[in-house]
Amino acid sequence: MAKEKFPKILICLVDPARGKTTGKYLSSFGYHTKVCQRGGEAKEIISTWEPNLIICDLLFPHLGAFAMLKWLKSYDYDQRTSMIVISDHNSKANVEAAFALGAHDYMTKPLEMEDLLGRVVFHSRKHKIIPEKQKIPQAGALKVGENEPLTPGSKRGEDERMRSHRYIELLLEQAQSPESVETRLHHLLKMANVKYKGVRINLVKYEDQVTGFVVASHDCDKVSGLKLNLEKYPEILMSVNTNSTMTIENLENAPMYKSITQHLQNIQFNSLIVCPVMVHQKVFGTISIRLQQKREIAESEIVFAQILARIVGLSLSIENNLSFLESKAS
């Protein structure tokens, strides 16, 4: 069996000493790193070395992060190279501009090395981004397995299609129940987990690039208002910033990540489905579905997660008073 290769990382920070420290830290976990100090040098390294990931300062000399993103795209390097933008502040305009230009992540200084490692691990994982504008297939077109389309021509397909429709009807009924919004959301996620049998399903409210709050969880009705440091949840930030559904493959058993999993207990290695939740045409937060270990994600599970996110958004949209969220977030 061929030995797994760690990704190659190019580090482009304004402070040369910080760049060297960062490179040395990531190298200690097996990553191959190179550090540069000027834009021209960065272009040469990218052209000859082809790094998998670039960590670039917004104001990097002679080739800031935005200019580098444009350059990467012009030479099609963006198809095989991810970028984490580093900045002194997380202004909404800069964050939006970075993601619009193709950035995969955005972090603010001072950099915490363990948080950065968590982001590097995240972007090293195999994941898929599904834009929300992509049409959700009808229930009759869902797949149970890789080669098992649920078509009206098969009895199994018809039975599964009817079950899917009925399940969605039950979720819609729950979304409009007269219960308190906290109870309603908890029951919605609990019902969804009957299908997923997951480790945890959470609804998280996005506040800014650093802060989020758990609104509801399928396995506990007492967690509403729990504060989260979103710098430790890059999957939520990416889903919000790109307004896209994300699927992320489990890496816990990958040999090359063994030392990292032992070092960073807070990094979650389960397979994940993360969907943005829209309320009044604005991103409210995400539905995060953490699946059991060693599971492949079926297409039907992704589609169902998107439908669940829309139903949760509907339930929040018809609620006249969301002050319970504001009071617990303050």
Protein backbone atom coordinates (compact mmCIF):
# COMPACT_ATOMS: atom_id res chain seq x y z
CA MET A 1 0.00 0.00 0.00
CA ALA A 2 1.40 3.39 -0.97
CA LYS A 3 2.25 5.66 1.90
CA GLU A 4 -0.17 8.57 2.29
CA LYS A 5 1.26 11.98 1.54
CA PHE A 6 0.57 15.02 3.65
CA PRO A 7 -0.61 18.14 1.81
CA LYS A 8 1.84 20.87 0.79
CA ILE A 9 1.24 24.26 2.42
CA LEU A 10 2.60 27.64 1.29
CA ILE A 11 2.71 30.29 4.04
CA CYS A 12 2.61 33.96 3.02
CA LEU A 13 2.51 36.18 6.11
CA VAL A 14 3.53 39.82 6.53
CA ASP A 15 5.65 39.00 9.59
CA PRO A 16 8.54 36.74 8.41
CA ALA A 17 9.21 35.46 11.93
CA ARG A 18 5.56 34.51 12.36
CA GLY A 19 5.64 32.78 8.99
CA LYS A 20 8.62 30.66 10.01
CA THR A 21 7.02 29.79 13.36
CA THR A 22 3.80 28.76 11.62
CA GLY A 23 5.68 26.64 9.09
CA LYS A 24 7.67 24.89 11.79
CA TYR A 25 4.50 24.19 13.80
CA LEU A 26 2.62 22.65 10.86
CA SER A 27 5.71 20.71 9.79
CA SER A 28 5.81 19.08 13.23
CA PHE A 29 2.54 17.33 12.30
CA GLY A 30 3.90 16.03 9.01
CA TYR A 31 2.76 18.77 6.63
CA HIS A 32 5.20 19.88 3.94
CA THR A 33 5.58 23.65 4.26
CA LYS A 34 7.33 26.50 2.49
CA VAL A 35 7.46 30.12 3.68
CA CYS A 36 7.87 33.13 1.40
CA GLN A 37 8.09 36.89 1.97
CA ARG A 38 7.13 38.53 -1.34
CA GLY A 39 4.48 38.13 -4.01
CA GLY A 40 6.90 37.29 -6.80
CA GLU A 41 8.45 34.52 -4.73
CA ALA A 42 4.97 33.18 -3.96
CA LYS A 43 4.07 32.99 -7.66
CA GLU A 44 7.25 31.10 -8.45
CA ILE A 45 6.69 28.56 -5.65
CA ILE A 46 3.05 28.06 -6.67
CA SER A 47 4.04 27.49 -10.30
CA THR A 48 6.78 24.95 -9.55
CA TRP A 49 5.69 23.33 -6.27
CA GLU A 50 1.87 23.49 -6.66
CA PRO A 51 0.83 23.61 -2.98
CA ASN A 52 -2.48 22.12 -1.88
CA LEU A 53 -3.16 24.97 0.55
CA ILE A 54 -2.04 28.60 0.81
CA ILE A 55 -2.20 30.60 4.04
CA CYS A 56 -2.02 34.21 2.86
CA ASP A 57 -2.07 37.56 4.64
CA LEU A 58 -4.63 40.03 3.32
CA LEU A 59 -1.85 42.62 3.02
CA PHE A 60 0.96 40.32 1.89
CA PRO A 61 3.69 42.45 0.21
CA HIS A 62 3.39 42.86 -3.58
CA LEU A 63 0.57 40.34 -3.85
CA GLY A 64 -2.17 40.65 -1.23
CA ALA A 65 -4.63 37.84 -0.68
CA PHE A 66 -7.27 39.29 -3.02
CA ALA A 67 -4.76 39.78 -5.83
CA MET A 68 -3.39 36.28 -5.26
CA LEU A 69 -6.89 34.78 -5.48
CA LYS A 70 -7.41 36.52 -8.84
CA TRP A 71 -4.01 35.32 -10.06
CA LEU A 72 -4.74 31.73 -8.98
CA LYS A 73 -8.01 31.79 -10.89
CA SER A 74 -6.44 33.24 -14.03
CA TYR A 75 -4.05 30.26 -14.22
CA ASP A 76 -6.61 27.65 -13.01
CA TYR A 77 -4.63 26.94 -9.84
CA ASP A 78 -7.83 27.63 -7.88
CA GLN A 79 -9.16 24.25 -9.05
CA ARG A 80 -6.56 22.37 -7.00
CA THR A 81 -5.38 24.87 -4.39
CA SER A 82 -7.33 26.12 -1.37
CA MET A 83 -6.63 29.40 0.39
CA ILE A 84 -7.04 30.61 3.96
CA VAL A 85 -7.03 34.42 4.14
CA ILE A 86 -5.47 35.96 7.25
CA SER A 87 -6.43 39.49 8.36
CA ASP A 88 -6.15 41.90 11.28
CA HIS A 89 -9.93 42.24 11.40
CA ASN A 90 -13.02 40.42 10.15
CA SER A 91 -15.01 43.23 8.56
CA LYS A 92 -18.07 41.94 6.75
CA ALA A 93 -16.94 43.57 3.48
CA ASN A 94 -13.54 41.85 3.55
CA VAL A 95 -15.01 38.46 4.45
CA GLU A 96 -17.59 38.66 1.65
CA ALA A 97 -14.97 39.84 -0.85
CA ALA A 98 -12.61 37.01 0.08
CA PHE A 99 -15.21 34.29 -0.42
CA ALA A 100 -16.52 35.94 -3.60
CA LEU A 101 -13.00 35.74 -5.04
CA GLY A 102 -12.70 32.04 -4.15
CA ALA A 103 -11.19 31.91 -0.64
CA HIS A 104 -11.96 28.76 1.31
CA ASP A 105 -11.55 30.26 4.77
CA TYR A 106 -10.92 33.51 6.63
CA MET A 107 -9.12 33.88 9.97
CA THR A 108 -8.25 36.90 12.09
CA LYS A 109 -5.07 37.67 14.02
CA PRO A 110 -3.63 36.85 16.43
CA LEU A 111 -3.50 33.31 15.08
CA GLU A 112 -3.96 30.53 17.62
CA MET A 113 -1.87 27.64 16.37
CA GLU A 114 -4.32 24.93 17.39
CA ASP A 115 -7.19 26.78 15.68
CA LEU A 116 -5.08 27.12 12.54
CA LEU A 117 -4.22 23.42 12.64
CA GLY A 118 -7.91 22.64 12.92
CA ARG A 119 -8.60 24.69 9.78
CA VAL A 120 -5.72 23.03 7.93
CA VAL A 121 -7.07 19.58 8.84
CA PHE A 122 -10.54 20.64 7.71
CA HIS A 123 -9.35 21.82 4.31
CA SER A 124 -7.25 18.67 3.90
CA ARG A 125 -10.38 16.55 4.17
CA LYS A 126 -12.40 15.43 1.21
CA HIS A 127 -15.53 17.54 1.08
CA LYS A 128 -18.14 18.64 -1.41
CA ILE A 129 -19.83 22.03 -1.69
CA ILE A 130 -23.38 22.08 -3.07
CA PRO A 131 -24.67 25.61 -3.88
CA GLU A 132 -28.17 26.28 -2.56
CA LYS A 133 -29.29 27.58 -5.95
CA GLN A 134 -28.88 24.02 -7.26
CA LYS A 135 -32.33 22.49 -7.68
CA ILE A 136 -33.31 19.88 -5.11
CA PRO A 137 -34.41 16.68 -6.88
CA GLN A 138 -37.94 15.44 -6.45
CA ALA A 139 -38.45 12.64 -3.95
CA GLY A 140 -39.02 10.18 -6.80
CA ALA A 141 -35.49 10.77 -8.05
CA LEU A 142 -33.73 10.15 -4.72
CA LYS A 143 -31.26 7.29 -4.45
CA VAL A 144 -30.96 4.78 -1.64
CA GLY A 145 -27.59 3.50 -2.77
CA GLU A 146 -25.05 4.33 -5.41
CA ASN A 147 -26.77 2.26 -8.11
CA GLU A 148 -30.34 2.10 -6.82
CA PRO A 149 -32.43 4.96 -8.23
CA LEU A 150 -35.91 5.23 -6.78
CA THR A 151 -37.94 5.38 -9.97
CA PRO A 152 -41.73 5.10 -10.28
CA GLY A 153 -41.21 1.88 -12.25
CA SER A 154 -40.19 -0.16 -9.22
CA LYS A 155 -42.37 -1.10 -6.27
CA ARG A 156 -39.50 -0.41 -3.89
CA GLY A 157 -39.06 3.00 -5.44
CA GLU A 158 -42.77 3.80 -5.11
CA ASP A 159 -42.84 2.66 -1.48
CA GLU A 160 -39.76 4.71 -0.59
CA ARG A 161 -41.10 7.75 -2.44
CA MET A 162 -44.38 7.57 -0.50
CA ARG A 163 -42.51 7.21 2.79
CA SER A 164 -40.35 10.22 1.93
CA HIS A 165 -43.40 12.32 1.06
CA ARG A 166 -45.20 11.30 4.24
CA TYR A 167 -42.14 12.02 6.35
CA ILE A 168 -41.83 15.50 4.87
CA GLU A 169 -45.54 16.09 5.52
CA LEU A 170 -45.02 15.18 9.20
CA LEU A 171 -42.07 17.59 9.45
CA LEU A 172 -44.15 20.38 7.90
CA GLU A 173 -46.95 19.70 10.39
CA GLN A 174 -44.46 19.86 13.26
CA ALA A 175 -42.97 23.08 11.88
CA GLN A 176 -46.36 24.76 12.23
CA SER A 177 -47.37 23.28 15.58
CA PRO A 178 -48.61 25.62 18.35
CA GLU A 179 -45.76 24.65 20.69
CA SER A 180 -43.14 27.15 21.79
CA VAL A 181 -40.51 27.74 19.11
CA GLU A 182 -37.80 26.07 21.25
CA THR A 183 -39.92 22.93 21.70
CA ARG A 184 -40.99 22.94 18.08
CA LEU A 185 -37.43 23.08 16.80
CA HIS A 186 -36.24 20.41 19.24
CA HIS A 187 -39.01 18.07 18.08
CA LEU A 188 -38.21 18.78 14.41
CA LEU A 189 -34.57 17.78 14.87
CA LYS A 190 -35.56 14.77 16.95
CA MET A 191 -37.89 13.59 14.18
CA ALA A 192 -35.15 14.10 11.58
CA ASN A 193 -32.73 11.96 13.56
CA VAL A 194 -35.09 9.00 13.28
CA LYS A 195 -34.00 8.97 9.63
CA TYR A 196 -30.31 9.75 10.15
CA LYS A 197 -29.63 7.89 13.40
CA GLY A 198 -26.82 10.40 13.77
CA VAL A 199 -24.55 11.35 16.61
CA ARG A 200 -26.06 14.82 16.84
CA ILE A 201 -28.21 17.25 14.85
CA ASN A 202 -27.89 20.92 15.84
CA LEU A 203 -29.41 24.17 14.68
CA VAL A 204 -26.79 26.90 15.12
CA LYS A 205 -27.47 30.63 14.83
CA TYR A 206 -24.69 32.59 13.13
CA GLU A 207 -23.81 35.90 14.79
CA ASP A 208 -20.47 36.76 13.18
CA GLN A 209 -17.23 35.11 12.04
CA VAL A 210 -16.36 34.26 15.64
CA THR A 211 -19.62 33.73 17.51
CA GLY A 212 -22.58 31.40 17.13
CA PHE A 213 -25.26 29.97 19.41
CA VAL A 214 -26.94 26.59 19.58
CA VAL A 215 -30.66 27.13 19.09
CA ALA A 216 -31.78 23.51 19.28
CA SER A 217 -30.37 19.98 19.39
CA HIS A 218 -32.08 16.69 18.70
CA ASP A 219 -30.78 15.00 21.85
CA CYS A 220 -31.31 17.76 24.43
CA ASP A 221 -33.96 20.45 24.86
CA LYS A 222 -31.87 22.43 27.37
CA VAL A 223 -28.98 23.63 25.19
CA SER A 224 -30.63 26.64 23.56
CA GLY A 225 -28.33 29.66 23.94
CA LEU A 226 -25.10 27.69 24.29
CA LYS A 227 -22.34 29.94 22.92
CA LEU A 228 -19.94 28.55 20.31
CA ASN A 229 -16.57 29.80 19.13
CA LEU A 230 -17.08 29.41 15.37
CA GLU A 231 -13.34 29.54 14.76
CA LYS A 232 -13.43 25.90 15.88
CA TYR A 233 -16.25 25.05 13.45
CA PRO A 234 -14.96 25.90 9.96
CA GLU A 235 -17.68 23.78 8.37
CA ILE A 236 -20.33 26.17 9.76
CA LEU A 237 -18.43 29.24 8.57
CA MET A 238 -17.93 27.82 5.09
CA SER A 239 -21.59 26.86 4.76
CA VAL A 240 -22.70 30.34 5.89
CA ASN A 241 -20.13 32.26 3.86
CA THR A 242 -20.80 30.35 0.65
CA ASN A 243 -24.53 29.79 1.29
CA SER A 244 -23.95 26.16 0.37
CA THR A 245 -24.61 22.68 1.68
CA MET A 246 -21.43 20.84 2.63
CA THR A 247 -20.68 17.17 3.01
CA ILE A 248 -17.47 16.17 4.78
CA GLU A 249 -15.94 12.72 4.85
CA ASN A 250 -14.86 10.99 8.05
CA LEU A 251 -11.06 10.93 8.46
CA GLU A 252 -10.67 9.51 11.95
CA ASN A 253 -9.16 6.29 10.70
CA ALA A 254 -6.80 7.82 8.14
CA PRO A 255 -3.27 6.82 9.25
CA MET A 256 -1.71 10.14 8.31
CA TYR A 257 -3.98 11.98 10.77
CA LYS A 258 -3.41 9.71 13.76
CA SER A 259 -1.00 12.08 15.54
CA ILE A 260 -3.29 15.05 14.95
CA THR A 261 -6.41 13.33 16.28
CA GLN A 262 -4.51 12.49 19.45
CA HIS A 263 -3.26 16.07 19.81
CA LEU A 264 -6.48 17.92 19.04
CA GLN A 265 -9.40 16.35 20.83
CA ASN A 266 -11.75 19.19 19.83
CA ILE A 267 -11.53 18.42 16.10
CA GLN A 268 -14.55 16.38 15.03
CA PHE A 269 -13.78 13.64 12.51
CA ASN A 270 -17.26 12.23 11.97
CA SER A 271 -18.83 12.58 8.55
CA LEU A 272 -20.92 15.73 8.42
CA ILE A 273 -23.74 17.33 6.44
CA VAL A 274 -24.04 21.08 7.00
CA CYS A 275 -26.83 23.13 5.40
CA PRO A 276 -27.51 26.88 5.60
CA VAL A 277 -30.87 27.91 7.07
CA MET A 278 -32.54 30.93 5.48
CA VAL A 279 -35.00 33.17 7.33
CA HIS A 280 -36.62 36.03 5.41
CA GLN A 281 -34.08 35.52 2.59
CA LYS A 282 -31.10 35.97 4.91
CA VAL A 283 -28.74 33.33 6.30
CA PHE A 284 -29.85 32.60 9.86
CA GLY A 285 -27.37 29.82 10.60
CA THR A 286 -26.94 26.14 9.81
CA ILE A 287 -28.30 22.68 10.39
CA SER A 288 -25.33 20.47 11.30
CA ILE A 289 -25.79 16.71 11.07
CA ARG A 290 -22.94 14.67 12.55
CA LEU A 291 -23.24 11.09 11.36
CA GLN A 292 -22.02 7.91 12.99
CA GLN A 293 -18.46 6.71 12.42
CA LYS A 294 -17.47 4.88 9.21
CA ARG A 295 -20.56 5.94 7.29
CA GLU A 296 -20.78 7.00 3.69
CA ILE A 297 -23.19 9.82 2.94
CA ALA A 298 -26.00 8.86 0.56
CA GLU A 299 -27.38 11.34 -1.96
CA SER A 300 -30.85 10.95 -0.43
CA GLU A 301 -29.45 12.04 2.96
CA ILE A 302 -28.04 15.24 1.45
CA VAL A 303 -31.34 16.08 -0.24
CA PHE A 304 -33.27 15.37 2.95
CA ALA A 305 -30.93 17.66 4.91
CA GLN A 306 -31.61 20.48 2.46
CA ILE A 307 -35.35 19.93 2.83
CA LEU A 308 -35.01 19.86 6.63
CA ALA A 309 -33.10 23.17 6.56
CA ARG A 310 -35.85 24.78 4.51
CA ILE A 311 -38.56 23.48 6.83
CA VAL A 312 -36.66 24.81 9.87
CA GLY A 313 -36.31 28.15 8.07
CA LEU A 314 -40.05 28.14 7.43
CA SER A 315 -40.77 27.42 11.09
CA LEU A 316 -38.59 30.36 12.15
CA SER A 317 -40.05 32.65 9.46
CA ILE A 318 -43.62 32.25 10.72
CA GLU A 319 -42.56 32.98 14.30
CA ASN A 320 -43.46 36.56 15.21
CA ASN A 321 -41.24 36.68 18.27
CA LEU A 322 -37.65 35.44 18.18
CA SER A 323 -36.67 37.46 21.22
CA PHE A 324 -35.76 34.28 23.11
CA LEU A 325 -32.75 33.99 20.78
CA GLU A 326 -31.68 37.58 21.37
CA SER A 327 -31.99 37.34 25.13
CA LYS A 328 -29.94 34.15 25.31
CA ALA A 329 -27.36 35.49 22.89
CA SER A 330 -26.76 38.67 24.83
